[in-house]
Amino acid sequence: MPSTRVASSSENESRGITLFDALPPRASRHTIAVSDVDLGYSLIEPTGPVRGTAVLVAGYTSSYDTFNVLLEPLAENGYRVIGLSQRGQPHSTGPDTVDGYSLAQLGSDIHTFIDALSEKLGDLGHIHLLGHSFGGVVAHEAVAQNPRRFASVTLWNSGPRDFGEGGPAHDALVADGPRGLWVLDRQRMGLDPDIDLAGDMSVIERYYFDRLMTTKPAALLAGAAILRDQIDRTNELATLSREHGIPFLISHGAQDDAWPADWQRDMAIALGADYVVLANAGHSSHGDRPNMAADVLATFWSDATTSTS
């Protein structure tokens, strides 16, 4: 199993916490009807011949804007890049009941989204699926539903099983709704949980607060339950990888504070996957190290299509 730690460099310096930058000028925002919802997505076309299509699935309390920093560098490497907000997330619609957000439904959304996109854009070529954090849990489900669809799969800062935060998040949401989750997260970080009430949030704090509050409460509750109940399905993925020749990449930031690093490393070993750790990066390693992240992904995708062609 290849194991790589990406070293620091002046060219690809650590950016620290960011707002993930604005949408690049060449990129565009869209919605498309899928099942019972409209899914929002960002799209950028490559600057040259299309080498493949990357579908990047946002994580819990997130949206496709988390991937804005990756769009241009990946497009420069020849990829059509699509950032996806899952049902109930900002830019997408979603039902008001928890049963509309089952893991099976979220995984199915990936396939119906790709089907609808293919009708709109034509042949997508090699499809590379990436799931960030909770998006990786959903990506796993999508692969299990139809493994033949994907040229490669990347689990990005995403681990194999419950790491202890889903239950408390679910309890906070049941007790106090979305703001209860905000308070829980702020308390975990040792920050003032009532700064929103004081009206004294920084730009970054306002960004995360607004993103959370514009997520459907039912989506938050269902997502927390999925994370709480997450079981280790690595053996299932390993079987699918062997049977269908799917290359996997497991990657996370060196300072990822969600799933433990050794869990992610062990998952990579079990999958025979490429394993890359981005130095000086946290749970959203693409936001901290966008150029390095793009280099890692473009190299992996190129190798994946070479090995499977």
C-alpha atoms as a PDB file:
ATOM      1  CA  MET A   1       0.000   0.000   0.000  1.00  0.00           C
ATOM      2  CA  PRO A   2       1.493   3.377  -0.974  1.00  0.00           C
ATOM      3  CA  SER A   3       1.712   5.654   2.059  1.00  0.00           C
ATOM      4  CA  THR A   4       2.505   9.316   1.556  1.00  0.00           C
ATOM      5  CA  ARG A   5       2.825  12.276   3.862  1.00  0.00           C
ATOM      6  CA  VAL A   6       2.758  15.543   1.968  1.00  0.00           C
ATOM      7  CA  ALA A   7       5.444  17.838   3.326  1.00  0.00           C
ATOM      8  CA  SER A   8       5.126  21.575   3.828  1.00  0.00           C
ATOM      9  CA  SER A   9       6.409  23.867   1.106  1.00  0.00           C
ATOM     10  CA  SER A  10       6.454  27.589   0.415  1.00  0.00           C
ATOM     11  CA  GLU A  11       4.575  27.076  -2.833  1.00  0.00           C
ATOM     12  CA  ASN A  12       1.673  25.302  -1.134  1.00  0.00           C
ATOM     13  CA  GLU A  13       1.581  27.041   2.219  1.00  0.00           C
ATOM     14  CA  SER A  14      -0.949  26.289   4.907  1.00  0.00           C
ATOM     15  CA  ARG A  15      -3.883  28.653   4.595  1.00  0.00           C
ATOM     16  CA  GLY A  16      -5.450  28.084   7.991  1.00  0.00           C
ATOM     17  CA  ILE A  17      -9.201  28.421   8.478  1.00  0.00           C
ATOM     18  CA  THR A  18     -10.834  30.097   5.496  1.00  0.00           C
ATOM     19  CA  LEU A  19     -14.225  30.809   3.996  1.00  0.00           C
ATOM     20  CA  PHE A  20     -13.163  28.462   1.183  1.00  0.00           C
ATOM     21  CA  ASP A  21     -13.067  31.474  -1.147  1.00  0.00           C
ATOM     22  CA  ALA A  22     -15.713  32.701  -3.547  1.00  0.00           C
ATOM     23  CA  LEU A  23     -16.834  30.702  -6.546  1.00  0.00           C
ATOM     24  CA  PRO A  24     -14.191  31.105  -9.286  1.00  0.00           C
ATOM     25  CA  PRO A  25     -15.251  33.336 -12.196  1.00  0.00           C
ATOM     26  CA  ARG A  26     -15.274  30.417 -14.646  1.00  0.00           C
ATOM     27  CA  ALA A  27     -17.459  28.269 -12.386  1.00  0.00           C
ATOM     28  CA  SER A  28     -21.239  28.392 -12.198  1.00  0.00           C
ATOM     29  CA  ARG A  29     -24.053  27.451  -9.819  1.00  0.00           C
ATOM     30  CA  HIS A  30     -26.954  25.227 -10.847  1.00  0.00           C
ATOM     31  CA  THR A  31     -29.843  23.162  -9.526  1.00  0.00           C
ATOM     32  CA  ILE A  32     -31.243  19.976 -10.986  1.00  0.00           C
ATOM     33  CA  ALA A  33     -34.358  17.975 -10.161  1.00  0.00           C
ATOM     34  CA  VAL A  34     -33.560  14.627  -8.550  1.00  0.00           C
ATOM     35  CA  SER A  35     -36.284  12.364  -7.146  1.00  0.00           C
ATOM     36  CA  ASP A  36     -38.304  14.576  -4.796  1.00  0.00           C
ATOM     37  CA  VAL A  37     -35.762  17.399  -4.378  1.00  0.00           C
ATOM     38  CA  ASP A  38     -33.698  19.931  -6.283  1.00  0.00           C
ATOM     39  CA  LEU A  39     -29.978  19.436  -5.720  1.00  0.00           C
ATOM     40  CA  GLY A  40     -27.629  22.392  -5.956  1.00  0.00           C
ATOM     41  CA  TYR A  41     -24.232  21.989  -7.521  1.00  0.00           C
ATOM     42  CA  SER A  42     -21.258  23.995  -8.695  1.00  0.00           C
ATOM     43  CA  LEU A  43     -19.651  23.261 -12.048  1.00  0.00           C
ATOM     44  CA  ILE A  44     -16.409  24.155 -13.741  1.00  0.00           C
ATOM     45  CA  GLU A  45     -15.222  22.822 -17.076  1.00  0.00           C
ATOM     46  CA  PRO A  46     -11.556  22.013 -17.723  1.00  0.00           C
ATOM     47  CA  THR A  47      -9.332  24.417 -19.587  1.00  0.00           C
ATOM     48  CA  GLY A  48      -8.378  21.687 -22.085  1.00  0.00           C
ATOM     49  CA  PRO A  49      -9.594  18.228 -23.106  1.00  0.00           C
ATOM     50  CA  VAL A  50     -11.808  16.548 -20.502  1.00  0.00           C
ATOM     51  CA  ARG A  51      -9.942  13.790 -18.651  1.00  0.00           C
ATOM     52  CA  GLY A  52     -12.928  12.877 -16.493  1.00  0.00           C
ATOM     53  CA  THR A  53     -15.647  14.202 -14.210  1.00  0.00           C
ATOM     54  CA  ALA A  54     -15.164  14.601 -10.470  1.00  0.00           C
ATOM     55  CA  VAL A  55     -18.222  14.597  -8.206  1.00  0.00           C
ATOM     56  CA  LEU A  56     -17.367  16.055  -4.803  1.00  0.00           C
ATOM     57  CA  VAL A  57     -19.949  15.362  -2.083  1.00  0.00           C
ATOM     58  CA  ALA A  58     -20.191  17.797   0.827  1.00  0.00           C
ATOM     59  CA  GLY A  59     -20.132  16.697   4.450  1.00  0.00           C
ATOM     60  CA  TYR A  60     -22.337  17.268   7.480  1.00  0.00           C
ATOM     61  CA  THR A  61     -23.489  20.896   8.028  1.00  0.00           C
ATOM     62  CA  SER A  62     -21.666  21.787   4.814  1.00  0.00           C
ATOM     63  CA  SER A  63     -22.425  22.665   1.181  1.00  0.00           C
ATOM     64  CA  TYR A  64     -20.738  22.594  -2.199  1.00  0.00           C
ATOM     65  CA  ASP A  65     -19.062  25.914  -1.360  1.00  0.00           C
ATOM     66  CA  THR A  66     -16.535  23.969   0.721  1.00  0.00           C
ATOM     67  CA  PHE A  67     -14.998  22.845  -2.589  1.00  0.00           C
ATOM     68  CA  ASN A  68     -14.731  26.281  -4.229  1.00  0.00           C
ATOM     69  CA  VAL A  69     -10.976  26.399  -3.631  1.00  0.00           C
ATOM     70  CA  LEU A  70     -10.495  23.129  -5.539  1.00  0.00           C
ATOM     71  CA  LEU A  71     -12.468  23.965  -8.667  1.00  0.00           C
ATOM     72  CA  GLU A  72      -9.907  25.978 -10.605  1.00  0.00           C
ATOM     73  CA  PRO A  73      -6.786  23.906  -9.835  1.00  0.00           C
ATOM     74  CA  LEU A  74      -8.581  20.651 -10.668  1.00  0.00           C
ATOM     75  CA  ALA A  75     -10.001  22.131 -13.879  1.00  0.00           C
ATOM     76  CA  GLU A  76      -6.485  23.177 -14.848  1.00  0.00           C
ATOM     77  CA  ASN A  77      -5.546  19.501 -14.547  1.00  0.00           C
ATOM     78  CA  GLY A  78      -8.182  18.560 -17.112  1.00  0.00           C
ATOM     79  CA  TYR A  79     -11.169  17.635 -14.951  1.00  0.00           C
ATOM     80  CA  ARG A  80     -14.773  18.728 -15.076  1.00  0.00           C
ATOM     81  CA  VAL A  81     -15.469  19.330 -11.397  1.00  0.00           C
ATOM     82  CA  ILE A  82     -18.858  19.261  -9.712  1.00  0.00           C
ATOM     83  CA  GLY A  83     -19.398  20.205  -6.079  1.00  0.00           C
ATOM     84  CA  LEU A  84     -22.630  18.776  -4.684  1.00  0.00           C
ATOM     85  CA  SER A  85     -24.834  19.974  -1.840  1.00  0.00           C
ATOM     86  CA  GLN A  86     -26.771  16.996  -0.544  1.00  0.00           C
ATOM     87  CA  ARG A  87     -30.522  17.151   0.005  1.00  0.00           C
ATOM     88  CA  GLY A  88     -31.414  19.558   2.781  1.00  0.00           C
ATOM     89  CA  GLN A  89     -28.086  21.393   2.621  1.00  0.00           C
ATOM     90  CA  PRO A  90     -27.600  25.019   1.525  1.00  0.00           C
ATOM     91  CA  HIS A  91     -28.362  25.445  -2.219  1.00  0.00           C
ATOM     92  CA  SER A  92     -30.507  22.270  -2.216  1.00  0.00           C
ATOM     93  CA  THR A  93     -34.083  21.606  -1.192  1.00  0.00           C
ATOM     94  CA  GLY A  94     -35.123  18.787   1.094  1.00  0.00           C
ATOM     95  CA  PRO A  95     -38.058  17.269   2.942  1.00  0.00           C
ATOM     96  CA  ASP A  96     -39.100  18.364   6.406  1.00  0.00           C
ATOM     97  CA  THR A  97     -39.182  14.860   7.867  1.00  0.00           C
ATOM     98  CA  VAL A  98     -36.253  12.739   8.994  1.00  0.00           C
ATOM     99  CA  ASP A  99     -37.354   9.698   7.019  1.00  0.00           C
ATOM    100  CA  GLY A 100     -36.546  11.571   3.807  1.00  0.00           C
ATOM    101  CA  TYR A 101     -32.831  11.465   4.653  1.00  0.00           C
ATOM    102  CA  SER A 102     -32.038   7.790   5.107  1.00  0.00           C
ATOM    103  CA  LEU A 103     -28.525   6.693   4.183  1.00  0.00           C
ATOM    104  CA  ALA A 104     -29.985   4.593   1.381  1.00  0.00           C
ATOM    105  CA  GLN A 105     -31.775   7.663   0.012  1.00  0.00           C
ATOM    106  CA  LEU A 106     -28.671   9.833   0.215  1.00  0.00           C
ATOM    107  CA  GLY A 107     -26.650   7.190  -1.613  1.00  0.00           C
ATOM    108  CA  SER A 108     -29.354   6.845  -4.246  1.00  0.00           C
ATOM    109  CA  ASP A 109     -29.320  10.620  -4.734  1.00  0.00           C
ATOM    110  CA  ILE A 110     -25.740  10.366  -5.981  1.00  0.00           C
ATOM    111  CA  HIS A 111     -26.798   8.025  -8.762  1.00  0.00           C
ATOM    112  CA  THR A 112     -29.943   9.872  -9.780  1.00  0.00           C
ATOM    113  CA  PHE A 113     -27.936  13.105  -9.741  1.00  0.00           C
ATOM    114  CA  ILE A 114     -25.340  11.603 -12.083  1.00  0.00           C
ATOM    115  CA  ASP A 115     -28.115  10.259 -14.315  1.00  0.00           C
ATOM    116  CA  ALA A 116     -29.764  13.683 -14.521  1.00  0.00           C
ATOM    117  CA  LEU A 117     -26.428  15.373 -15.111  1.00  0.00           C
ATOM    118  CA  SER A 118     -25.591  12.953 -17.918  1.00  0.00           C
ATOM    119  CA  GLU A 119     -28.865  13.831 -19.627  1.00  0.00           C
ATOM    120  CA  LYS A 120     -28.010  17.510 -19.328  1.00  0.00           C
ATOM    121  CA  LEU A 121     -24.290  17.483 -20.171  1.00  0.00           C
ATOM    122  CA  GLY A 122     -23.870  14.295 -22.190  1.00  0.00           C
ATOM    123  CA  ASP A 123     -21.274  11.609 -21.573  1.00  0.00           C
ATOM    124  CA  LEU A 124     -19.416  12.370 -18.336  1.00  0.00           C
ATOM    125  CA  GLY A 125     -16.551   9.994 -19.119  1.00  0.00           C
ATOM    126  CA  HIS A 126     -14.643   8.578 -16.159  1.00  0.00           C
ATOM    127  CA  ILE A 127     -16.507   9.505 -12.965  1.00  0.00           C
ATOM    128  CA  HIS A 128     -14.392  10.067  -9.861  1.00  0.00           C
ATOM    129  CA  LEU A 129     -16.398  10.157  -6.628  1.00  0.00           C
ATOM    130  CA  LEU A 130     -15.117  12.027  -3.572  1.00  0.00           C
ATOM    131  CA  GLY A 131     -16.918  12.253  -0.253  1.00  0.00           C
ATOM    132  CA  HIS A 132     -15.741  14.672   2.416  1.00  0.00           C
ATOM    133  CA  SER A 133     -16.374  13.666   6.041  1.00  0.00           C
ATOM    134  CA  PHE A 134     -20.068  12.661   6.279  1.00  0.00           C
ATOM    135  CA  GLY A 135     -20.051  12.853   2.484  1.00  0.00           C
ATOM    136  CA  GLY A 136     -17.644   9.915   2.601  1.00  0.00           C
ATOM    137  CA  VAL A 137     -20.203   7.858   4.512  1.00  0.00           C
ATOM    138  CA  VAL A 138     -22.702   8.665   1.761  1.00  0.00           C
ATOM    139  CA  ALA A 139     -20.128   7.917  -0.950  1.00  0.00           C
ATOM    140  CA  HIS A 140     -19.602   4.475   0.609  1.00  0.00           C
ATOM    141  CA  GLU A 141     -23.332   3.827   0.345  1.00  0.00           C
ATOM    142  CA  ALA A 142     -23.394   5.012  -3.279  1.00  0.00           C
ATOM    143  CA  VAL A 143     -20.557   2.644  -4.170  1.00  0.00           C
ATOM    144  CA  ALA A 144     -22.343  -0.245  -2.478  1.00  0.00           C
ATOM    145  CA  GLN A 145     -25.464   0.478  -4.534  1.00  0.00           C
ATOM    146  CA  ASN A 146     -23.673   0.555  -7.904  1.00  0.00           C
ATOM    147  CA  PRO A 147     -19.912  -0.016  -7.790  1.00  0.00           C
ATOM    148  CA  ARG A 148     -19.541  -0.261 -11.569  1.00  0.00           C
ATOM    149  CA  ARG A 149     -20.331   3.412 -11.995  1.00  0.00           C
ATOM    150  CA  PHE A 150     -17.128   4.880 -10.591  1.00  0.00           C
ATOM    151  CA  ALA A 151     -13.612   5.027 -12.007  1.00  0.00           C
ATOM    152  CA  SER A 152     -12.288   5.804  -8.526  1.00  0.00           C
ATOM    153  CA  VAL A 153     -13.476   6.616  -5.023  1.00  0.00           C
ATOM    154  CA  THR A 154     -11.882   9.013  -2.540  1.00  0.00           C
ATOM    155  CA  LEU A 155     -12.789   9.095   1.148  1.00  0.00           C
ATOM    156  CA  TRP A 156     -11.585  12.529   2.196  1.00  0.00           C
ATOM    157  CA  ASN A 157     -11.158  13.084   5.945  1.00  0.00           C
ATOM    158  CA  SER A 158     -13.763  10.370   6.471  1.00  0.00           C
ATOM    159  CA  GLY A 159     -13.562   7.289   8.643  1.00  0.00           C
ATOM    160  CA  PRO A 160     -15.097   3.840   8.962  1.00  0.00           C
ATOM    161  CA  ARG A 161     -17.335   3.988  12.047  1.00  0.00           C
ATOM    162  CA  ASP A 162     -18.920   6.159  14.743  1.00  0.00           C
ATOM    163  CA  PHE A 163     -16.257   8.304  16.402  1.00  0.00           C
ATOM    164  CA  GLY A 164     -18.426   9.539  19.259  1.00  0.00           C
ATOM    165  CA  GLU A 165     -19.872  12.835  18.020  1.00  0.00           C
ATOM    166  CA  GLY A 166     -23.052  11.672  16.291  1.00  0.00           C
ATOM    167  CA  GLY A 167     -24.867  10.815  19.531  1.00  0.00           C
ATOM    168  CA  PRO A 168     -24.220  14.121  21.326  1.00  0.00           C
ATOM    169  CA  ALA A 169     -25.074  16.035  18.149  1.00  0.00           C
ATOM    170  CA  HIS A 170     -28.351  14.146  17.842  1.00  0.00           C
ATOM    171  CA  ASP A 171     -29.217  14.816  21.495  1.00  0.00           C
ATOM    172  CA  ALA A 172     -28.441  18.533  21.133  1.00  0.00           C
ATOM    173  CA  LEU A 173     -30.624  18.786  18.044  1.00  0.00           C
ATOM    174  CA  VAL A 174     -33.525  16.996  19.719  1.00  0.00           C
ATOM    175  CA  ALA A 175     -33.267  19.282  22.743  1.00  0.00           C
ATOM    176  CA  ASP A 176     -32.661  22.659  21.114  1.00  0.00           C
ATOM    177  CA  GLY A 177     -32.728  22.366  17.331  1.00  0.00           C
ATOM    178  CA  PRO A 178     -29.916  23.625  15.073  1.00  0.00           C
ATOM    179  CA  ARG A 179     -28.769  26.220  17.585  1.00  0.00           C
ATOM    180  CA  GLY A 180     -28.270  23.418  20.091  1.00  0.00           C
ATOM    181  CA  LEU A 181     -25.708  21.915  17.711  1.00  0.00           C
ATOM    182  CA  TRP A 182     -24.038  25.320  17.355  1.00  0.00           C
ATOM    183  CA  VAL A 183     -23.758  25.634  21.136  1.00  0.00           C
ATOM    184  CA  LEU A 184     -22.378  22.091  21.458  1.00  0.00           C
ATOM    185  CA  ASP A 185     -19.693  22.684  18.839  1.00  0.00           C
ATOM    186  CA  ARG A 186     -18.682  26.030  20.355  1.00  0.00           C
ATOM    187  CA  GLN A 187     -18.407  24.512  23.821  1.00  0.00           C
ATOM    188  CA  ARG A 188     -16.255  21.672  22.474  1.00  0.00           C
ATOM    189  CA  MET A 189     -13.862  24.247  21.030  1.00  0.00           C
ATOM    190  CA  GLY A 190     -13.798  26.329  24.204  1.00  0.00           C
ATOM    191  CA  LEU A 191     -15.492  29.267  22.481  1.00  0.00           C
ATOM    192  CA  ASP A 192     -18.345  31.509  23.555  1.00  0.00           C
ATOM    193  CA  PRO A 193     -21.527  29.594  22.647  1.00  0.00           C
ATOM    194  CA  ASP A 194     -23.696  32.718  22.827  1.00  0.00           C
ATOM    195  CA  ILE A 195     -21.714  34.949  20.503  1.00  0.00           C
ATOM    196  CA  ASP A 196     -24.551  34.802  17.981  1.00  0.00           C
ATOM    197  CA  LEU A 197     -26.915  36.305  20.550  1.00  0.00           C
ATOM    198  CA  ALA A 198     -24.462  39.113  21.248  1.00  0.00           C
ATOM    199  CA  GLY A 199     -24.316  39.937  17.533  1.00  0.00           C
ATOM    200  CA  ASP A 200     -20.523  40.052  17.642  1.00  0.00           C
ATOM    201  CA  MET A 201     -19.541  37.209  15.319  1.00  0.00           C
ATOM    202  CA  SER A 202     -16.506  37.442  13.062  1.00  0.00           C
ATOM    203  CA  VAL A 203     -16.905  36.929   9.320  1.00  0.00           C
ATOM    204  CA  ILE A 204     -15.772  33.320   9.690  1.00  0.00           C
ATOM    205  CA  GLU A 205     -18.106  32.643  12.610  1.00  0.00           C
ATOM    206  CA  ARG A 206     -21.013  34.178  10.698  1.00  0.00           C
ATOM    207  CA  TYR A 207     -20.228  31.974   7.697  1.00  0.00           C
ATOM    208  CA  TYR A 208     -20.395  28.766   9.719  1.00  0.00           C
ATOM    209  CA  PHE A 209     -23.438  29.919  11.683  1.00  0.00           C
ATOM    210  CA  ASP A 210     -25.379  30.832   8.550  1.00  0.00           C
ATOM    211  CA  ARG A 211     -24.397  27.580   6.842  1.00  0.00           C
ATOM    212  CA  LEU A 212     -25.686  25.580   9.790  1.00  0.00           C
ATOM    213  CA  MET A 213     -28.894  27.572  10.094  1.00  0.00           C
ATOM    214  CA  THR A 214     -29.718  27.241   6.396  1.00  0.00           C
ATOM    215  CA  THR A 215     -29.501  23.443   6.573  1.00  0.00           C
ATOM    216  CA  LYS A 216     -32.843  21.690   6.951  1.00  0.00           C
ATOM    217  CA  PRO A 217     -33.299  20.673  10.619  1.00  0.00           C
ATOM    218  CA  ALA A 218     -34.509  17.232   9.523  1.00  0.00           C
ATOM    219  CA  ALA A 219     -31.316  16.769   7.497  1.00  0.00           C
ATOM    220  CA  LEU A 220     -29.205  17.662  10.527  1.00  0.00           C
ATOM    221  CA  LEU A 221     -31.110  15.261  12.762  1.00  0.00           C
ATOM    222  CA  ALA A 222     -30.959  12.408  10.265  1.00  0.00           C
ATOM    223  CA  GLY A 223     -27.269  12.996   9.548  1.00  0.00           C
ATOM    224  CA  ALA A 224     -26.413  12.940  13.248  1.00  0.00           C
ATOM    225  CA  ALA A 225     -28.268   9.638  13.618  1.00  0.00           C
ATOM    226  CA  ILE A 226     -26.410   8.168  10.633  1.00  0.00           C
ATOM    227  CA  LEU A 227     -23.076   9.183  12.162  1.00  0.00           C
ATOM    228  CA  ARG A 228     -24.139   7.872  15.584  1.00  0.00           C
ATOM    229  CA  ASP A 229     -25.144   4.523  14.115  1.00  0.00           C
ATOM    230  CA  GLN A 230     -22.274   4.222  11.607  1.00  0.00           C
ATOM    231  CA  ILE A 231     -20.856   0.702  11.550  1.00  0.00           C
ATOM    232  CA  ASP A 232     -17.601  -0.424   9.999  1.00  0.00           C
ATOM    233  CA  ARG A 233     -18.266  -1.550   6.411  1.00  0.00           C
ATOM    234  CA  THR A 234     -14.634  -1.585   5.323  1.00  0.00           C
ATOM    235  CA  ASN A 235     -14.723  -5.294   4.460  1.00  0.00           C
ATOM    236  CA  GLU A 236     -17.678  -4.642   2.167  1.00  0.00           C
ATOM    237  CA  LEU A 237     -15.751  -1.877   0.413  1.00  0.00           C
ATOM    238  CA  ALA A 238     -12.692  -4.095   0.106  1.00  0.00           C
ATOM    239  CA  THR A 239     -14.762  -6.802  -1.575  1.00  0.00           C
ATOM    240  CA  LEU A 240     -16.279  -4.290  -3.996  1.00  0.00           C
ATOM    241  CA  SER A 241     -12.848  -2.881  -4.754  1.00  0.00           C
ATOM    242  CA  ARG A 242     -11.434  -6.320  -5.570  1.00  0.00           C
ATOM    243  CA  GLU A 243     -14.435  -7.532  -7.554  1.00  0.00           C
ATOM    244  CA  HIS A 244     -14.835  -4.376  -9.626  1.00  0.00           C
ATOM    245  CA  GLY A 245     -11.286  -3.060  -9.724  1.00  0.00           C
ATOM    246  CA  ILE A 246     -12.165   0.242  -8.044  1.00  0.00           C
ATOM    247  CA  PRO A 247      -9.111   2.258  -6.959  1.00  0.00           C
ATOM    248  CA  PHE A 248      -9.524   3.957  -3.572  1.00  0.00           C
ATOM    249  CA  LEU A 249      -7.778   6.938  -2.027  1.00  0.00           C
ATOM    250  CA  ILE A 250      -7.937   7.596   1.710  1.00  0.00           C
ATOM    251  CA  SER A 251      -6.684  11.056   2.624  1.00  0.00           C
ATOM    252  CA  HIS A 252      -6.906  13.397   5.594  1.00  0.00           C
ATOM    253  CA  GLY A 253      -5.184  16.345   7.163  1.00  0.00           C
ATOM    254  CA  ALA A 254      -2.441  15.685   9.681  1.00  0.00           C
ATOM    255  CA  GLN A 255      -4.467  17.651  12.238  1.00  0.00           C
ATOM    256  CA  ASP A 256      -7.837  16.099  11.331  1.00  0.00           C
ATOM    257  CA  ASP A 257      -9.817  16.144  14.581  1.00  0.00           C
ATOM    258  CA  ALA A 258     -12.776  14.002  13.508  1.00  0.00           C
ATOM    259  CA  TRP A 259     -12.138  10.316  12.760  1.00  0.00           C
ATOM    260  CA  PRO A 260      -8.827   9.224  14.320  1.00  0.00           C
ATOM    261  CA  ALA A 261      -5.912   9.080  11.895  1.00  0.00           C
ATOM    262  CA  ASP A 262      -5.099   5.465  12.762  1.00  0.00           C
ATOM    263  CA  TRP A 263      -8.648   4.426  11.875  1.00  0.00           C
ATOM    264  CA  GLN A 264      -8.299   6.043   8.471  1.00  0.00           C
ATOM    265  CA  ARG A 265      -4.858   4.494   7.952  1.00  0.00           C
ATOM    266  CA  ASP A 266      -6.133   1.038   8.896  1.00  0.00           C
ATOM    267  CA  MET A 267      -9.039   1.465   6.497  1.00  0.00           C
ATOM    268  CA  ALA A 268      -6.586   2.297   3.718  1.00  0.00           C
ATOM    269  CA  ILE A 269      -4.539  -0.820   4.502  1.00  0.00           C
ATOM    270  CA  ALA A 270      -7.642  -3.026   4.433  1.00  0.00           C
ATOM    271  CA  LEU A 271      -8.698  -1.530   1.100  1.00  0.00           C
ATOM    272  CA  GLY A 272      -5.235  -1.655  -0.443  1.00  0.00           C
ATOM    273  CA  ALA A 273      -5.828   2.039  -1.057  1.00  0.00           C
ATOM    274  CA  ASP A 274      -3.527   4.941  -1.666  1.00  0.00           C
ATOM    275  CA  TYR A 275      -3.090   6.799   1.626  1.00  0.00           C
ATOM    276  CA  VAL A 276      -2.087  10.449   1.735  1.00  0.00           C
ATOM    277  CA  VAL A 277      -1.760  12.722   4.762  1.00  0.00           C
ATOM    278  CA  LEU A 278      -1.662  16.458   4.085  1.00  0.00           C
ATOM    279  CA  ALA A 279       0.696  18.265   6.448  1.00  0.00           C
ATOM    280  CA  ASN A 280      -0.469  21.383   8.283  1.00  0.00           C
ATOM    281  CA  ALA A 281      -4.105  20.671   7.468  1.00  0.00           C
ATOM    282  CA  GLY A 282      -7.175  19.888   9.523  1.00  0.00           C
ATOM    283  CA  HIS A 283     -10.497  18.181   8.894  1.00  0.00           C
ATOM    284  CA  SER A 284     -11.161  20.310   5.807  1.00  0.00           C
ATOM    285  CA  SER A 285      -7.706  19.685   4.394  1.00  0.00           C
ATOM    286  CA  HIS A 286      -8.735  20.965   0.964  1.00  0.00           C
ATOM    287  CA  GLY A 287      -9.467  24.353   2.531  1.00  0.00           C
ATOM    288  CA  ASP A 288      -6.129  24.451   4.336  1.00  0.00           C
ATOM    289  CA  ARG A 289      -4.005  23.076   1.475  1.00  0.00           C
ATOM    290  CA  PRO A 290      -5.967  23.513  -1.772  1.00  0.00           C
ATOM    291  CA  ASN A 291      -3.047  23.310  -4.177  1.00  0.00           C
ATOM    292  CA  MET A 292      -1.619  20.218  -2.531  1.00  0.00           C
ATOM    293  CA  ALA A 293      -5.070  18.656  -2.344  1.00  0.00           C
ATOM    294  CA  ALA A 294      -5.607  19.295  -6.051  1.00  0.00           C
ATOM    295  CA  ASP A 295      -2.214  17.798  -6.900  1.00  0.00           C
ATOM    296  CA  VAL A 296      -2.951  14.686  -4.831  1.00  0.00           C
ATOM    297  CA  LEU A 297      -6.378  14.218  -6.395  1.00  0.00           C
ATOM    298  CA  ALA A 298      -5.341  14.867  -9.989  1.00  0.00           C
ATOM    299  CA  THR A 299      -2.441  12.429  -9.669  1.00  0.00           C
ATOM    300  CA  PHE A 300      -4.648   9.754  -8.121  1.00  0.00           C
ATOM    301  CA  TRP A 301      -7.358  10.159 -10.755  1.00  0.00           C
ATOM    302  CA  SER A 302      -4.830   9.980 -13.565  1.00  0.00           C
ATOM    303  CA  ASP A 303      -3.287   6.822 -12.113  1.00  0.00           C
ATOM    304  CA  ALA A 304      -6.735   5.325 -11.499  1.00  0.00           C
ATOM    305  CA  THR A 305      -7.887   5.675 -15.088  1.00  0.00           C
ATOM    306  CA  THR A 306      -4.549   4.404 -16.369  1.00  0.00           C
ATOM    307  CA  SER A 307      -4.743   1.290 -14.180  1.00  0.00           C
ATOM    308  CA  THR A 308      -8.365   0.529 -15.104  1.00  0.00           C
ATOM    309  CA  SER A 309      -8.206   1.297 -18.838  1.00  0.00           C
END
